[in-house]
Protein backbone atom coordinates (compact mmCIF):
# COMPACT_ATOMS: atom_id res chain seq x y z
CA MET A 1 -9.52 14.83 -16.67
CA ARG A 2 -10.56 14.19 -13.07
CA TYR A 3 -11.87 11.18 -11.25
CA SER A 4 -15.09 12.03 -9.36
CA ASP A 5 -16.93 10.10 -6.65
CA SER A 6 -20.33 8.47 -6.97
CA GLU A 7 -22.90 9.06 -4.22
CA THR A 8 -21.81 5.85 -2.49
CA GLN A 9 -18.17 6.85 -2.71
CA GLN A 10 -18.95 10.32 -1.36
CA LEU A 11 -20.54 8.69 1.70
CA LEU A 12 -17.57 6.35 2.14
CA ARG A 13 -15.14 9.25 1.86
CA SER A 14 -16.92 11.57 4.29
CA THR A 15 -17.41 8.80 6.88
CA THR A 16 -13.78 7.70 6.67
CA ARG A 17 -12.39 11.23 6.79
CA SER A 18 -14.47 12.18 9.82
CA TYR A 19 -13.51 9.03 11.72
CA LEU A 20 -9.79 9.30 11.02
CA ALA A 21 -9.70 13.00 11.89
CA ALA A 22 -11.28 12.26 15.25
CA GLU A 23 -9.30 9.12 16.11
CA PHE A 24 -5.91 10.09 14.67
CA PRO A 25 -5.20 13.78 15.28
CA PRO A 26 -1.63 15.04 14.69
CA GLU A 27 -0.73 14.32 18.32
CA ARG A 28 -1.54 10.62 17.88
CA LEU A 29 0.37 10.48 14.59
CA TYR A 30 3.44 11.96 16.31
CA GLU A 31 3.22 9.24 18.99
CA ILE A 32 3.14 6.55 16.32
CA GLU A 33 6.02 8.18 14.46
CA SER A 34 8.25 8.40 17.52
CA GLY A 35 7.59 4.79 18.44
CA GLU A 36 6.28 5.81 21.87
CA SER A 37 2.88 4.29 21.16
CA PRO A 38 2.58 2.22 17.95
CA LEU A 39 -0.74 1.41 16.35
CA SER A 40 -2.50 -0.67 19.00
CA SER A 41 -4.53 -3.86 18.73
CA ASP A 42 -7.56 -1.93 20.00
CA GLU A 43 -7.21 0.56 17.15
CA LEU A 44 -6.91 -2.30 14.65
CA GLN A 45 -10.02 -3.89 16.14
CA LYS A 46 -11.91 -0.64 15.63
CA LEU A 47 -10.80 -0.50 12.00
CA ALA A 48 -11.97 -4.09 11.57
CA GLY A 49 -15.26 -3.17 13.21
CA MET A 50 -15.73 -0.43 10.61
CA GLY A 51 -15.32 -3.12 7.95
CA TRP A 52 -12.25 -1.45 6.46
CA LEU A 53 -9.88 -4.43 6.68
CA GLY A 54 -12.04 -6.55 4.37
CA LEU A 55 -13.76 -4.07 2.08
CA ILE A 56 -13.32 -6.21 -1.04
CA GLY A 57 -13.97 -9.51 0.71
CA PRO A 58 -17.20 -11.30 -0.32
CA GLU A 59 -20.29 -10.49 1.76
CA PRO A 60 -21.05 -14.16 2.66
CA ALA A 61 -17.66 -14.27 4.40
CA GLY A 62 -18.34 -11.05 6.30
CA GLY A 63 -16.58 -8.75 3.85
CA GLY A 64 -17.87 -5.52 2.44
CA GLY A 65 -18.43 -6.89 -1.07
CA LEU A 66 -17.15 -3.64 -2.57
CA GLY A 67 -15.44 -3.22 -5.90
CA LEU A 68 -11.84 -2.08 -6.10
CA LEU A 69 -12.73 1.54 -6.90
CA ASP A 70 -15.08 1.83 -3.92
CA ALA A 71 -12.47 0.34 -1.58
CA ALA A 72 -9.87 2.69 -3.08
CA VAL A 73 -11.81 5.69 -1.78
CA VAL A 74 -11.37 4.48 1.81
CA ILE A 75 -7.70 3.63 1.24
CA GLU A 76 -7.08 7.07 -0.28
CA GLU A 77 -8.49 8.64 2.87
CA PHE A 78 -6.01 6.71 5.02
CA GLY A 79 -3.27 8.28 2.92
CA TYR A 80 -4.90 11.70 3.24
CA ALA A 81 -4.97 11.31 7.03
CA ALA A 82 -1.39 9.93 7.15
CA VAL A 83 -2.56 6.98 9.26
CA PRO A 84 -0.05 4.10 8.95
CA ALA A 85 -2.58 1.26 9.08
CA PRO A 86 -2.53 -2.04 7.10
CA VAL A 87 -5.82 -1.35 5.33
CA ALA A 88 -4.48 -1.73 1.77
CA PHE A 89 -2.51 -4.90 2.58
CA SER A 90 -5.37 -6.46 4.53
CA ASN A 91 -7.72 -5.91 1.60
CA VAL A 92 -5.25 -7.51 -0.79
CA ALA A 93 -5.11 -10.50 1.57
CA ALA A 94 -8.92 -10.67 1.62
CA ASP A 95 -9.03 -10.66 -2.17
CA LEU A 96 -6.42 -13.42 -2.45
CA LEU A 97 -8.06 -15.60 0.18
CA ALA A 98 -11.39 -15.30 -1.63
CA ARG A 99 -9.73 -16.56 -4.83
CA ALA A 100 -7.70 -19.37 -3.26
CA LYS A 101 -8.60 -22.88 -4.41
CA LEU A 102 -6.85 -24.90 -1.71
CA GLY A 103 -6.60 -25.00 2.06
CA ASP A 104 -8.96 -23.64 4.65
CA SER A 105 -9.11 -20.24 2.98
CA ALA A 106 -12.74 -19.68 4.01
CA ARG A 107 -11.79 -19.89 7.69
CA HIS A 108 -8.92 -17.47 7.17
CA LEU A 109 -11.20 -15.05 5.32
CA GLY A 110 -13.76 -15.18 8.10
CA ASN A 111 -11.06 -14.48 10.69
CA LEU A 112 -9.85 -11.51 8.65
CA THR A 113 -13.23 -9.89 8.03
CA GLY A 114 -14.34 -10.58 11.59
CA GLY A 115 -11.27 -8.89 13.02
CA ARG A 116 -10.25 -12.01 14.95
CA GLN A 117 -6.84 -12.14 13.26
CA THR A 118 -4.86 -9.70 11.13
CA TYR A 119 -3.26 -10.46 7.78
CA THR A 120 -0.62 -8.87 5.60
CA VAL A 121 1.07 -9.80 2.34
CA SER A 122 4.69 -9.99 1.28
CA GLU A 123 5.55 -7.50 -1.42
CA SER A 124 7.52 -8.69 -4.41
CA THR A 125 9.51 -7.30 -7.30
CA ARG A 126 9.31 -10.44 -9.41
CA ALA A 127 9.72 -9.87 -13.15
CA SER A 128 7.10 -11.62 -15.25
CA ASP A 129 9.56 -14.05 -16.84
CA ALA A 130 11.39 -15.08 -13.64
CA GLU A 131 11.70 -18.73 -12.69
CA PRO A 132 9.66 -19.73 -9.62
CA ALA A 133 12.78 -20.55 -7.61
CA SER A 134 14.14 -17.06 -8.16
CA TYR A 135 11.30 -15.30 -6.38
CA SER A 136 10.04 -17.83 -3.81
CA SER A 137 12.04 -16.98 -0.71
CA PRO A 138 10.64 -19.68 1.60
CA THR A 139 11.21 -23.28 0.48
CA ALA A 140 9.66 -26.46 1.88
CA VAL A 141 12.18 -29.27 2.40
CA ALA A 142 11.17 -32.54 4.06
CA GLY A 143 8.12 -30.96 5.66
CA ARG A 144 10.08 -27.97 6.99
CA LEU A 145 10.07 -24.34 5.88
CA HIS A 146 13.25 -22.36 5.36
CA GLY A 147 13.81 -18.87 3.99
CA THR A 148 13.23 -15.18 4.57
CA LEU A 149 10.51 -12.76 3.57
CA PRO A 150 12.20 -9.34 3.54
CA ARG A 151 10.64 -6.05 4.63
CA VAL A 152 7.09 -7.30 5.10
CA PRO A 153 4.79 -4.37 5.93
CA PHE A 154 2.98 -4.49 9.29
CA ALA A 155 4.54 -7.88 10.08
CA THR A 156 5.00 -6.85 13.71
CA THR A 157 1.23 -6.54 14.22
CA ALA A 158 -0.05 -9.27 11.88
CA ASP A 159 -0.92 -12.85 12.78
CA TRP A 160 -0.53 -14.22 9.24
CA VAL A 161 1.32 -13.28 6.06
CA LEU A 162 0.43 -14.37 2.53
CA ALA A 163 3.43 -15.05 0.32
CA PRO A 164 4.82 -17.36 -2.40
CA LEU A 165 6.95 -20.40 -1.64
CA THR A 166 8.55 -23.33 -3.42
CA LEU A 167 6.93 -26.65 -2.64
CA ASP A 168 8.52 -29.83 -4.00
CA GLY A 169 10.32 -27.71 -6.59
CA GLN A 170 7.07 -26.14 -7.80
CA PRO A 171 5.58 -22.69 -7.18
CA ALA A 172 2.99 -22.40 -4.44
CA PHE A 173 1.22 -19.65 -2.55
CA ALA A 174 0.49 -19.90 1.15
CA ALA A 175 -0.56 -18.22 4.37
CA PHE A 176 2.17 -18.39 7.03
CA ALA A 177 1.47 -18.20 10.76
CA LEU A 178 3.82 -15.64 12.24
CA ASP A 179 3.88 -17.01 15.77
CA GLY A 180 6.37 -19.65 14.61
CA ALA A 181 8.70 -17.24 12.81
CA ARG A 182 11.57 -15.02 13.92
CA ILE A 183 10.69 -11.41 13.19
CA ASP A 184 13.36 -8.71 12.94
CA GLU A 185 11.89 -5.22 12.79
CA THR A 186 13.35 -2.89 10.16
CA HIS A 187 12.84 0.82 9.57
CA LEU A 188 12.23 2.78 6.39
CA LEU A 189 11.41 6.44 5.90
CA ASP A 190 7.68 6.10 6.51
CA ARG A 191 5.92 5.15 9.73
CA ALA A 192 4.55 1.80 8.61
CA SER A 193 6.15 -1.04 10.54
CA TYR A 194 8.30 -3.41 8.50
CA ALA A 195 10.06 -6.60 9.48
CA ASP A 196 12.13 -9.40 7.98
CA ILE A 197 10.35 -12.70 8.59
CA HIS A 198 12.73 -15.61 9.04
CA LEU A 199 11.31 -19.10 8.67
CA GLU A 200 13.95 -21.35 10.20
CA ASP A 201 13.05 -25.04 10.26
CA VAL A 202 9.36 -24.23 10.74
CA ARG A 203 6.94 -27.13 10.31
CA LEU A 204 5.09 -27.03 7.00
CA ASP A 205 1.79 -27.61 8.79
CA ARG A 206 2.21 -24.10 10.23
CA ALA A 207 1.39 -22.84 6.72
CA THR A 208 -1.87 -23.09 4.79
CA ILE A 209 -1.25 -23.88 1.12
CA LEU A 210 -3.67 -21.73 -0.89
CA ALA A 211 -2.61 -22.57 -4.45
CA THR A 212 0.02 -24.48 -6.42
CA GLY A 213 1.40 -24.41 -9.96
CA ASP A 214 -0.15 -21.92 -12.37
CA ASP A 215 -2.82 -20.97 -9.82
CA ALA A 216 -0.05 -19.93 -7.42
CA LEU A 217 1.65 -17.83 -10.08
CA GLU A 218 -1.68 -16.17 -10.85
CA LEU A 219 -2.24 -15.31 -7.18
CA HIS A 220 1.30 -13.98 -6.89
CA ASP A 221 0.91 -11.74 -9.94
CA ARG A 222 -2.43 -10.48 -8.65
CA CYS A 223 -0.86 -9.79 -5.26
CA ASP A 224 1.91 -7.75 -6.90
CA ALA A 225 -0.52 -5.75 -9.00
CA LEU A 226 -3.02 -5.04 -6.22
CA VAL A 227 -0.38 -4.07 -3.65
CA THR A 228 1.13 -1.62 -6.14
CA ALA A 229 -2.23 -0.22 -7.27
CA LEU A 230 -3.68 0.30 -3.80
CA SER A 231 -0.40 1.74 -2.51
CA LEU A 232 -0.59 4.18 -5.42
CA ILE A 233 -4.07 5.21 -4.29
CA GLU A 234 -2.84 5.72 -0.73
CA THR A 235 0.08 7.81 -2.00
CA ALA A 236 -2.32 9.92 -4.07
CA GLY A 237 -4.16 10.73 -0.83
CA MET A 238 -0.89 11.79 0.78
CA MET A 239 -0.07 14.02 -2.18
CA GLN A 240 -3.52 15.61 -2.04
CA ARG A 241 -3.06 16.56 1.60
CA THR A 242 0.48 17.81 0.90
CA LEU A 243 -0.94 20.03 -1.82
CA GLU A 244 -3.58 21.41 0.56
CA LEU A 245 -1.08 22.10 3.34
CA THR A 246 1.21 23.88 0.91
CA GLY A 247 -1.58 25.92 -0.68
CA GLN A 248 -2.84 27.02 2.72
CA TYR A 249 0.65 27.95 3.89
CA ILE A 250 1.54 30.15 0.92
CA THR A 251 -1.88 31.80 1.18
CA ASP A 252 -1.43 32.65 4.86
CA ARG A 253 2.28 33.46 4.80
CA VAL A 254 2.80 37.18 4.25
CA GLN A 255 6.06 38.57 2.89
CA PHE A 256 6.73 42.13 1.67
CA GLY A 257 3.18 43.05 2.63
CA GLN A 258 1.32 40.37 0.67
CA PRO A 259 0.74 36.59 0.70
CA ILE A 260 3.59 34.77 -1.02
CA ALA A 261 0.94 33.00 -3.10
CA LYS A 262 0.71 36.21 -5.11
CA PHE A 263 4.32 36.02 -6.23
CA GLN A 264 4.68 34.53 -9.68
CA ALA A 265 7.52 32.17 -8.76
CA ALA A 266 5.50 30.67 -5.90
CA ARG A 267 2.44 30.32 -8.10
CA HIS A 268 4.43 28.49 -10.76
CA ARG A 269 5.77 26.07 -8.14
CA ALA A 270 2.28 25.54 -6.74
CA ALA A 271 0.96 24.84 -10.23
CA ASP A 272 3.69 22.24 -10.68
CA LEU A 273 2.68 20.63 -7.38
CA LEU A 274 -0.96 20.55 -8.48
CA MET A 275 -0.08 18.91 -11.79
CA GLN A 276 2.06 16.20 -10.18
CA THR A 277 -0.64 15.45 -7.61
CA GLU A 278 -3.58 15.35 -10.00
CA THR A 279 -1.82 13.25 -12.64
CA THR A 280 -0.67 10.74 -10.03
CA ARG A 281 -4.20 10.43 -8.67
CA TRP A 282 -5.82 10.12 -12.08
CA ALA A 283 -3.26 7.56 -13.27
CA ALA A 284 -3.75 5.51 -10.09
CA PHE A 285 -7.53 5.37 -10.35
CA HIS A 286 -7.42 4.76 -14.09
CA ALA A 287 -4.97 1.88 -13.64
CA LEU A 288 -7.13 0.32 -10.92
CA TRP A 289 -10.24 0.69 -13.10
CA ARG A 290 -8.49 -1.03 -16.00
CA PHE A 291 -7.32 -3.85 -13.74
CA GLU A 292 -10.82 -4.33 -12.32
CA GLN A 293 -12.20 -4.57 -15.86
CA ASP A 294 -9.48 -6.98 -17.00
CA PRO A 295 -7.36 -8.63 -14.27
CA THR A 296 -4.87 -9.83 -16.89
CA ASP A 297 -4.05 -6.22 -17.82
CA SER A 298 -1.66 -4.80 -15.23
CA ASP A 299 0.41 -2.69 -17.64
CA GLU A 300 -1.39 0.51 -16.61
CA ILE A 301 -0.43 -0.16 -12.99
CA TRP A 302 3.28 -0.25 -13.78
CA LEU A 303 2.94 2.89 -15.91
CA ALA A 304 1.13 4.66 -13.07
CA LYS A 305 3.80 3.56 -10.56
CA HIS A 306 6.52 4.80 -12.92
CA TRP A 307 4.87 8.20 -13.06
CA ALA A 308 4.29 8.26 -9.29
CA VAL A 309 7.98 7.58 -8.61
CA ARG A 310 8.87 10.61 -10.73
CA ALA A 311 6.14 12.75 -9.20
CA ALA A 312 7.06 11.78 -5.62
CA ASP A 313 10.46 13.41 -5.90
CA ARG A 314 8.93 16.59 -7.32
CA VAL A 315 6.15 16.76 -4.71
CA PHE A 316 8.73 16.32 -1.94
CA GLN A 317 11.01 19.04 -3.25
CA VAL A 318 8.40 21.65 -4.20
CA SER A 319 6.28 21.32 -1.04
CA HIS A 320 9.30 21.76 1.23
CA LEU A 321 10.66 24.57 -0.93
CA LEU A 322 7.43 26.56 -0.67
CA HIS A 323 7.27 26.00 3.09
CA GLY A 324 10.80 27.29 3.59
CA GLY A 325 12.16 26.74 7.10
CA VAL A 326 8.76 25.68 8.42
CA GLY A 327 8.92 22.66 6.13
CA VAL A 328 11.79 21.13 8.09
CA ASP A 329 10.16 21.59 11.51
CA ILE A 330 9.05 18.18 12.75
CA GLU A 331 6.33 19.83 14.83
CA TYR A 332 4.70 20.82 11.55
CA PRO A 333 2.85 17.86 9.95
CA LEU A 334 4.26 18.16 6.42
CA HIS A 335 6.96 15.53 7.02
CA LEU A 336 4.33 12.95 7.99
CA TYR A 337 3.30 12.97 4.34
CA THR A 338 6.48 13.69 2.42
CA GLN A 339 8.52 10.99 4.17
CA ALA A 340 5.86 8.41 3.39
CA ILE A 341 5.66 9.58 -0.22
CA ALA A 342 9.42 9.27 -0.61
CA ALA A 343 9.40 5.81 0.98
CA PHE A 344 6.73 4.57 -1.40
CA ALA A 345 8.78 5.74 -4.36
CA VAL A 346 11.54 3.27 -3.49
CA ARG A 347 9.32 0.46 -2.18
CA GLY A 348 8.21 -2.45 -4.34
CA GLY A 349 10.23 -1.43 -7.41
CA GLY A 350 11.52 1.79 -8.88
CA MET A 351 11.23 3.54 -12.23
CA SER A 352 13.50 1.19 -14.18
CA GLU A 353 11.65 -1.91 -13.05
CA MET A 354 8.28 -0.37 -13.87
CA VAL A 355 9.53 0.50 -17.36
CA GLU A 356 10.73 -3.07 -17.88
CA ARG A 357 7.44 -4.52 -16.69
CA THR A 358 5.48 -2.26 -19.00
CA LEU A 359 7.67 -3.04 -22.01
CA GLU A 360 7.43 -6.77 -21.31
CA GLY A 361 3.64 -6.45 -21.25
CA LEU A 362 3.84 -4.86 -24.70
CA ASP A 363 6.22 -7.60 -25.92
CA LEU A 364 9.01 -5.07 -26.32
CA THR A 365 12.63 -5.51 -25.28
CA PRO A 366 14.21 -2.60 -23.40
CA ARG A 367 17.46 -1.27 -24.86
CA ARG A 368 20.35 -1.75 -22.44
């Protein structure tokens, strides 16, 4: 069973692929990877000008007004092109700001969709039955913020981060201005920039409270689900390109007088790679479709992430195996994809956590 694009999605896909191929050739990706020339503010402005940072934001606020599946097509193309841009996280922020019931969320949303400021979100691995204090890293005490948001993606280029906090002992959800925080850059396997955000005696008025109580918990759960789902879509794009690179290589590589794609062992490995890629992609789109139909149903997302974690390891191994020595040459673009795929597999929760989340959604208790 395959997911296929509508006419609108075909146009979105072709436009995005053409733009990214022209603006981010392998040479530019290598510059970003080495740290010589990170993603620039001008490049982010161009992405905002294309409307990609607020695809699912409402049209009256300057957003694209697209549904999740339409936006997913663009995000998948960023994975396919291996461009480490905050498109998925910015769109999650746009969605959350549009649903916020407190604060000046409309102003923030307008700044996001207009490209005047950039936004990211803090990932979480909160279990559904956790107490608010156990997941809210920042805490407001006497009008001051204290705490740390660990490994926030694209924090080094963002102006604001959306994250949970504890306010007067109760759960809240807020937008934090990053110009008043201490930011320590961290490095993972992929080329996305991460940083630990330390809020040390920061004035509470530097944050915009977006929701409190049950509304805050709802925003936090939606943030978790959307970050995981859209990251899955992006990873599916990376796997698709990895599959294509590998298929092309074993077709062109001649050994013993014939392409190695004709050898049965190589064909079996390639078939395994195809299966892992297609099932990850289908599960990701199916989970996002289910969540768009019923936002209270995130179980499919955790199931899809569980499968993707398993598939990521297999895609990494098989693609490098079929490439042989070429697969470990950093001048060959395969590692731009496989490193990011491996990083996603360990980011935001692994297989065991996804199993527990799924079982909890089914009111089942995992056996220890």
